[in-house]
Amino acid sequence: MHDMEGWQHFLEEDVIPQRNAQIRALHHYYVKNKAWIAAEFTALFDRFCQAVLARQQEGLLQKCAYIHISLLRTSLSEGHPVYMLEASDRETDGKVGLTSFRYEAGWIYGFAEAWDQG
């Protein structure tokens, strides 16, 4: 068997089936827990919107033009997949504005870690 044939065989027989199994496991987890996942994110988003409203009432933020949900690469490199929620108006868009509103997404990345260990 040539190198490329061996590589193709490895991909077809080992890598792709294992990847597909992990994707199915993630999907099953999501389907089973989507109410909890939605409730958790909705509660965070509600607190976030209340904070945005307070900033608007204080005159610190005009009409909200954008809501950004960003994966924090530093946290990801430390093994903690975290997304930050941020709101901006047309004047503040593009400026760095850290907020305390974070969504811990470890449940998603746990499946990728399991694949790495497999």
N, C-alpha and C. Protein backbone atom coordinates (compact mmCIF):
# COMPACT_ATOMS: atom_id res chain seq x y z
N MET A 1 0.85 -1.17 0.00
CA MET A 1 0.00 0.00 0.00
C MET A 1 0.90 1.23 0.00
N HIS A 2 0.62 2.15 -0.90
CA HIS A 2 1.40 3.39 -0.98
C HIS A 2 1.01 4.33 0.15
N ASP A 3 1.86 5.31 0.37
CA ASP A 3 1.62 6.26 1.46
C ASP A 3 0.24 6.92 1.37
N MET A 4 -0.12 7.38 0.19
CA MET A 4 -1.41 8.07 0.04
C MET A 4 -2.58 7.10 0.23
N GLU A 5 -2.42 5.88 -0.23
CA GLU A 5 -3.48 4.89 -0.04
C GLU A 5 -3.63 4.56 1.45
N GLY A 6 -2.51 4.44 2.13
CA GLY A 6 -2.54 4.18 3.57
C GLY A 6 -3.19 5.32 4.33
N TRP A 7 -2.86 6.53 3.93
CA TRP A 7 -3.45 7.71 4.55
C TRP A 7 -4.96 7.73 4.32
N GLN A 8 -5.37 7.47 3.09
CA GLN A 8 -6.80 7.46 2.76
C GLN A 8 -7.53 6.38 3.55
N HIS A 9 -6.91 5.23 3.67
CA HIS A 9 -7.50 4.13 4.44
C HIS A 9 -7.66 4.53 5.91
N PHE A 10 -6.63 5.15 6.47
CA PHE A 10 -6.68 5.62 7.85
C PHE A 10 -7.82 6.62 8.04
N LEU A 11 -7.94 7.56 7.12
CA LEU A 11 -9.01 8.55 7.22
C LEU A 11 -10.39 7.88 7.17
N GLU A 12 -10.58 7.02 6.20
CA GLU A 12 -11.89 6.40 6.00
C GLU A 12 -12.26 5.41 7.10
N GLU A 13 -11.28 4.69 7.62
CA GLU A 13 -11.58 3.63 8.58
C GLU A 13 -11.49 4.07 10.04
N ASP A 14 -10.70 5.09 10.33
CA ASP A 14 -10.49 5.49 11.72
C ASP A 14 -10.97 6.91 12.01
N VAL A 15 -10.44 7.86 11.29
CA VAL A 15 -10.68 9.26 11.62
C VAL A 15 -12.13 9.67 11.39
N ILE A 16 -12.64 9.46 10.21
CA ILE A 16 -13.99 9.92 9.88
C ILE A 16 -15.05 9.23 10.73
N PRO A 17 -15.01 7.91 10.92
CA PRO A 17 -16.02 7.30 11.80
C PRO A 17 -15.97 7.83 13.23
N GLN A 18 -14.77 8.05 13.75
CA GLN A 18 -14.66 8.57 15.12
C GLN A 18 -15.19 10.01 15.19
N ARG A 19 -14.85 10.82 14.20
CA ARG A 19 -15.35 12.20 14.16
C ARG A 19 -16.87 12.20 14.08
N ASN A 20 -17.43 11.36 13.22
CA ASN A 20 -18.88 11.30 13.07
C ASN A 20 -19.55 10.84 14.36
N ALA A 21 -18.94 9.92 15.07
CA ALA A 21 -19.49 9.46 16.35
C ALA A 21 -19.51 10.60 17.36
N GLN A 22 -18.46 11.40 17.39
CA GLN A 22 -18.42 12.54 18.31
C GLN A 22 -19.46 13.59 17.94
N ILE A 23 -19.64 13.83 16.66
CA ILE A 23 -20.66 14.79 16.23
C ILE A 23 -22.05 14.29 16.60
N ARG A 24 -22.29 12.99 16.43
CA ARG A 24 -23.58 12.42 16.84
C ARG A 24 -23.77 12.53 18.35
N ALA A 25 -22.71 12.28 19.11
CA ALA A 25 -22.81 12.39 20.57
C ALA A 25 -23.12 13.83 20.98
N LEU A 26 -22.48 14.79 20.35
CA LEU A 26 -22.76 16.20 20.63
C LEU A 26 -24.21 16.52 20.29
N HIS A 27 -24.67 16.05 19.15
CA HIS A 27 -26.06 16.29 18.74
C HIS A 27 -27.03 15.68 19.75
N HIS A 28 -26.79 14.46 20.16
CA HIS A 28 -27.67 13.80 21.14
C HIS A 28 -27.67 14.56 22.47
N TYR A 29 -26.49 15.01 22.90
CA TYR A 29 -26.41 15.78 24.13
C TYR A 29 -27.23 17.06 24.01
N TYR A 30 -27.07 17.75 22.88
CA TYR A 30 -27.81 18.99 22.66
C TYR A 30 -29.32 18.74 22.67
N VAL A 31 -29.77 17.74 21.93
CA VAL A 31 -31.20 17.44 21.86
C VAL A 31 -31.74 17.13 23.26
N LYS A 32 -31.00 16.35 24.01
CA LYS A 32 -31.44 15.96 25.36
C LYS A 32 -31.45 17.15 26.32
N ASN A 33 -30.53 18.10 26.13
CA ASN A 33 -30.35 19.20 27.09
C ASN A 33 -30.69 20.58 26.55
N LYS A 34 -31.34 20.66 25.39
CA LYS A 34 -31.52 21.97 24.78
C LYS A 34 -32.38 22.91 25.62
N ALA A 35 -33.32 22.39 26.38
CA ALA A 35 -34.12 23.27 27.24
C ALA A 35 -33.24 23.91 28.31
N TRP A 36 -32.37 23.11 28.91
CA TRP A 36 -31.45 23.63 29.93
C TRP A 36 -30.46 24.62 29.30
N ILE A 37 -29.92 24.28 28.13
CA ILE A 37 -28.97 25.16 27.44
C ILE A 37 -29.64 26.49 27.11
N ALA A 38 -30.85 26.42 26.56
CA ALA A 38 -31.58 27.65 26.21
C ALA A 38 -31.90 28.47 27.45
N ALA A 39 -32.32 27.81 28.52
CA ALA A 39 -32.66 28.54 29.75
C ALA A 39 -31.42 29.23 30.32
N GLU A 40 -30.30 28.54 30.30
CA GLU A 40 -29.06 29.11 30.82
C GLU A 40 -28.65 30.34 30.00
N PHE A 41 -28.67 30.21 28.68
CA PHE A 41 -28.27 31.33 27.83
C PHE A 41 -29.29 32.47 27.91
N THR A 42 -30.57 32.13 27.95
CA THR A 42 -31.62 33.15 28.02
C THR A 42 -31.50 33.97 29.29
N ALA A 43 -31.21 33.32 30.41
CA ALA A 43 -31.04 34.04 31.67
C ALA A 43 -29.86 35.00 31.58
N LEU A 44 -28.76 34.54 31.01
CA LEU A 44 -27.59 35.41 30.82
C LEU A 44 -27.93 36.58 29.90
N PHE A 45 -28.60 36.28 28.80
CA PHE A 45 -28.94 37.32 27.83
C PHE A 45 -29.91 38.34 28.43
N ASP A 46 -30.82 37.89 29.28
CA ASP A 46 -31.74 38.80 29.95
C ASP A 46 -30.97 39.76 30.86
N ARG A 47 -30.04 39.22 31.65
CA ARG A 47 -29.22 40.09 32.52
C ARG A 47 -28.41 41.07 31.68
N PHE A 48 -27.89 40.58 30.57
CA PHE A 48 -27.12 41.42 29.66
C PHE A 48 -27.98 42.57 29.12
N CYS A 49 -29.19 42.26 28.68
CA CYS A 49 -30.09 43.30 28.14
C CYS A 49 -30.46 44.32 29.21
N GLN A 50 -30.66 43.86 30.43
CA GLN A 50 -30.96 44.79 31.53
C GLN A 50 -29.78 45.73 31.76
N ALA A 51 -28.57 45.21 31.68
CA ALA A 51 -27.38 46.05 31.85
C ALA A 51 -27.24 47.04 30.70
N VAL A 52 -27.56 46.61 29.49
CA VAL A 52 -27.51 47.52 28.33
C VAL A 52 -28.53 48.64 28.53
N LEU A 53 -29.72 48.29 28.96
CA LEU A 53 -30.76 49.30 29.22
C LEU A 53 -30.29 50.29 30.28
N ALA A 54 -29.67 49.80 31.33
CA ALA A 54 -29.16 50.69 32.38
C ALA A 54 -28.10 51.63 31.82
N ARG A 55 -27.21 51.13 30.99
CA ARG A 55 -26.19 51.98 30.37
C ARG A 55 -26.83 53.04 29.48
N GLN A 56 -27.89 52.67 28.78
CA GLN A 56 -28.60 53.64 27.94
C GLN A 56 -29.27 54.71 28.80
N GLN A 57 -29.88 54.29 29.88
CA GLN A 57 -30.56 55.24 30.76
C GLN A 57 -29.57 56.19 31.44
N GLU A 58 -28.34 55.73 31.64
CA GLU A 58 -27.30 56.56 32.23
C GLU A 58 -26.62 57.45 31.19
N GLY A 59 -26.97 57.27 29.93
CA GLY A 59 -26.38 58.06 28.86
C GLY A 59 -25.03 57.56 28.39
N LEU A 60 -24.64 56.35 28.80
CA LEU A 60 -23.35 55.79 28.42
C LEU A 60 -23.40 55.06 27.09
N LEU A 61 -24.60 54.76 26.64
CA LEU A 61 -24.79 54.03 25.40
C LEU A 61 -26.03 54.57 24.71
N GLN A 62 -25.90 54.85 23.43
CA GLN A 62 -27.04 55.32 22.66
C GLN A 62 -27.85 54.11 22.19
N LYS A 63 -28.67 54.32 21.18
CA LYS A 63 -29.46 53.22 20.63
C LYS A 63 -28.52 52.08 20.22
N CYS A 64 -28.83 50.89 20.71
CA CYS A 64 -27.97 49.73 20.46
C CYS A 64 -27.97 49.40 18.97
N ALA A 65 -26.79 49.38 18.38
CA ALA A 65 -26.66 49.08 16.96
C ALA A 65 -26.17 47.65 16.72
N TYR A 66 -25.36 47.14 17.65
CA TYR A 66 -24.77 45.82 17.47
C TYR A 66 -24.70 45.07 18.79
N ILE A 67 -24.90 43.78 18.70
CA ILE A 67 -24.63 42.89 19.82
C ILE A 67 -23.61 41.88 19.31
N HIS A 68 -22.49 41.84 19.98
CA HIS A 68 -21.40 40.94 19.60
C HIS A 68 -21.33 39.80 20.61
N ILE A 69 -21.18 38.60 20.11
CA ILE A 69 -20.91 37.44 20.95
C ILE A 69 -19.59 36.88 20.43
N SER A 70 -18.55 37.05 21.21
CA SER A 70 -17.19 36.74 20.75
C SER A 70 -16.57 35.62 21.56
N LEU A 71 -15.94 34.68 20.86
CA LEU A 71 -15.17 33.64 21.53
C LEU A 71 -13.87 34.28 22.01
N LEU A 72 -13.60 34.14 23.29
CA LEU A 72 -12.39 34.71 23.87
C LEU A 72 -11.23 33.74 23.64
N ARG A 73 -10.37 34.10 22.72
CA ARG A 73 -9.28 33.19 22.33
C ARG A 73 -8.33 32.89 23.48
N THR A 74 -8.08 33.87 24.33
CA THR A 74 -7.17 33.64 25.46
C THR A 74 -7.74 32.57 26.37
N SER A 75 -9.02 32.67 26.68
CA SER A 75 -9.65 31.66 27.52
C SER A 75 -9.63 30.30 26.84
N LEU A 76 -9.87 30.29 25.54
CA LEU A 76 -9.87 29.02 24.80
C LEU A 76 -8.50 28.37 24.86
N SER A 77 -7.45 29.17 24.71
CA SER A 77 -6.10 28.60 24.76
C SER A 77 -5.76 28.06 26.15
N GLU A 78 -6.46 28.56 27.17
CA GLU A 78 -6.27 28.06 28.53
C GLU A 78 -7.20 26.89 28.84
N GLY A 79 -7.95 26.46 27.84
CA GLY A 79 -8.83 25.31 28.01
C GLY A 79 -10.22 25.63 28.52
N HIS A 80 -10.60 26.90 28.48
CA HIS A 80 -11.91 27.32 28.95
C HIS A 80 -12.63 28.07 27.83
N PRO A 81 -13.47 27.39 27.07
CA PRO A 81 -14.18 28.07 25.99
C PRO A 81 -15.26 29.00 26.55
N VAL A 82 -15.04 30.28 26.40
CA VAL A 82 -15.93 31.29 26.95
C VAL A 82 -16.26 32.30 25.86
N TYR A 83 -17.53 32.66 25.80
CA TYR A 83 -17.99 33.70 24.88
C TYR A 83 -18.35 34.94 25.69
N MET A 84 -18.00 36.11 25.17
CA MET A 84 -18.33 37.37 25.82
C MET A 84 -19.42 38.07 25.03
N LEU A 85 -20.40 38.61 25.75
CA LEU A 85 -21.47 39.38 25.14
C LEU A 85 -21.16 40.86 25.30
N GLU A 86 -21.35 41.61 24.24
CA GLU A 86 -21.04 43.03 24.26
C GLU A 86 -22.04 43.77 23.37
N ALA A 87 -22.47 44.93 23.81
CA ALA A 87 -23.36 45.77 23.01
C ALA A 87 -22.64 47.07 22.68
N SER A 88 -22.93 47.59 21.50
CA SER A 88 -22.33 48.86 21.13
C SER A 88 -23.33 49.67 20.31
N ASP A 89 -23.11 50.96 20.33
CA ASP A 89 -23.89 51.83 19.46
C ASP A 89 -23.00 52.21 18.28
N ARG A 90 -23.49 53.03 17.40
CA ARG A 90 -22.69 53.37 16.21
C ARG A 90 -21.40 54.09 16.59
N GLU A 91 -21.42 54.83 17.67
CA GLU A 91 -20.24 55.58 18.09
C GLU A 91 -19.19 54.69 18.74
N THR A 92 -19.62 53.68 19.47
CA THR A 92 -18.67 52.84 20.21
C THR A 92 -18.32 51.54 19.49
N ASP A 93 -18.94 51.27 18.35
CA ASP A 93 -18.65 50.02 17.64
C ASP A 93 -17.19 50.01 17.19
N GLY A 94 -16.56 48.89 17.38
CA GLY A 94 -15.16 48.74 16.99
C GLY A 94 -14.19 49.06 18.11
N LYS A 95 -14.66 49.68 19.17
CA LYS A 95 -13.80 49.97 20.31
C LYS A 95 -13.85 48.78 21.27
N VAL A 96 -12.73 48.48 21.85
CA VAL A 96 -12.67 47.37 22.79
C VAL A 96 -13.46 47.74 24.04
N GLY A 97 -14.39 46.89 24.38
CA GLY A 97 -15.20 47.13 25.56
C GLY A 97 -15.47 45.82 26.27
N LEU A 98 -14.69 45.51 27.26
CA LEU A 98 -14.86 44.25 27.98
C LEU A 98 -16.09 44.34 28.88
N THR A 99 -16.83 43.25 28.93
CA THR A 99 -17.98 43.18 29.82
C THR A 99 -17.84 41.94 30.70
N SER A 100 -18.65 41.91 31.72
CA SER A 100 -18.61 40.75 32.63
C SER A 100 -19.58 39.66 32.19
N PHE A 101 -20.24 39.86 31.07
CA PHE A 101 -21.23 38.88 30.62
C PHE A 101 -20.55 37.81 29.78
N ARG A 102 -20.45 36.63 30.37
CA ARG A 102 -19.73 35.52 29.76
C ARG A 102 -20.62 34.28 29.70
N TYR A 103 -20.51 33.57 28.60
CA TYR A 103 -21.20 32.28 28.47
C TYR A 103 -20.14 31.19 28.42
N GLU A 104 -20.18 30.32 29.40
CA GLU A 104 -19.26 29.19 29.47
C GLU A 104 -19.77 28.09 28.54
N ALA A 105 -18.99 27.74 27.54
CA ALA A 105 -19.44 26.78 26.53
C ALA A 105 -18.67 25.46 26.63
N GLY A 106 -18.26 25.12 27.82
CA GLY A 106 -17.49 23.90 28.00
C GLY A 106 -18.21 22.64 27.55
N TRP A 107 -19.53 22.66 27.64
CA TRP A 107 -20.29 21.46 27.24
C TRP A 107 -20.08 21.14 25.77
N ILE A 108 -19.85 22.15 24.94
CA ILE A 108 -19.62 21.91 23.51
C ILE A 108 -18.23 21.32 23.31
N TYR A 109 -17.25 21.97 23.90
CA TYR A 109 -15.87 21.61 23.64
C TYR A 109 -15.44 20.34 24.35
N GLY A 110 -16.22 19.89 25.31
CA GLY A 110 -15.92 18.62 25.96
C GLY A 110 -15.92 17.47 24.96
N PHE A 111 -16.75 17.58 23.95
CA PHE A 111 -16.80 16.53 22.93
C PHE A 111 -15.54 16.56 22.06
N ALA A 112 -15.02 17.73 21.79
CA ALA A 112 -13.77 17.84 21.02
C ALA A 112 -12.61 17.28 21.84
N GLU A 113 -12.62 17.55 23.15
CA GLU A 113 -11.56 17.02 24.01
C GLU A 113 -11.62 15.49 24.04
N ALA A 114 -12.83 14.94 24.09
CA ALA A 114 -12.97 13.49 24.09
C ALA A 114 -12.41 12.89 22.81
N TRP A 115 -12.60 13.60 21.70
CA TRP A 115 -12.07 13.12 20.43
C TRP A 115 -10.54 13.15 20.45
N ASP A 116 -9.98 14.23 21.02
CA ASP A 116 -8.53 14.33 21.12
C ASP A 116 -7.95 13.19 21.95
N GLN A 117 -8.69 12.76 22.97
CA GLN A 117 -8.20 11.71 23.85
C GLN A 117 -8.41 10.32 23.26
N GLY A 118 -9.32 10.22 22.28
CA GLY A 118 -9.72 8.92 21.72
C GLY A 118 -8.70 8.23 20.92
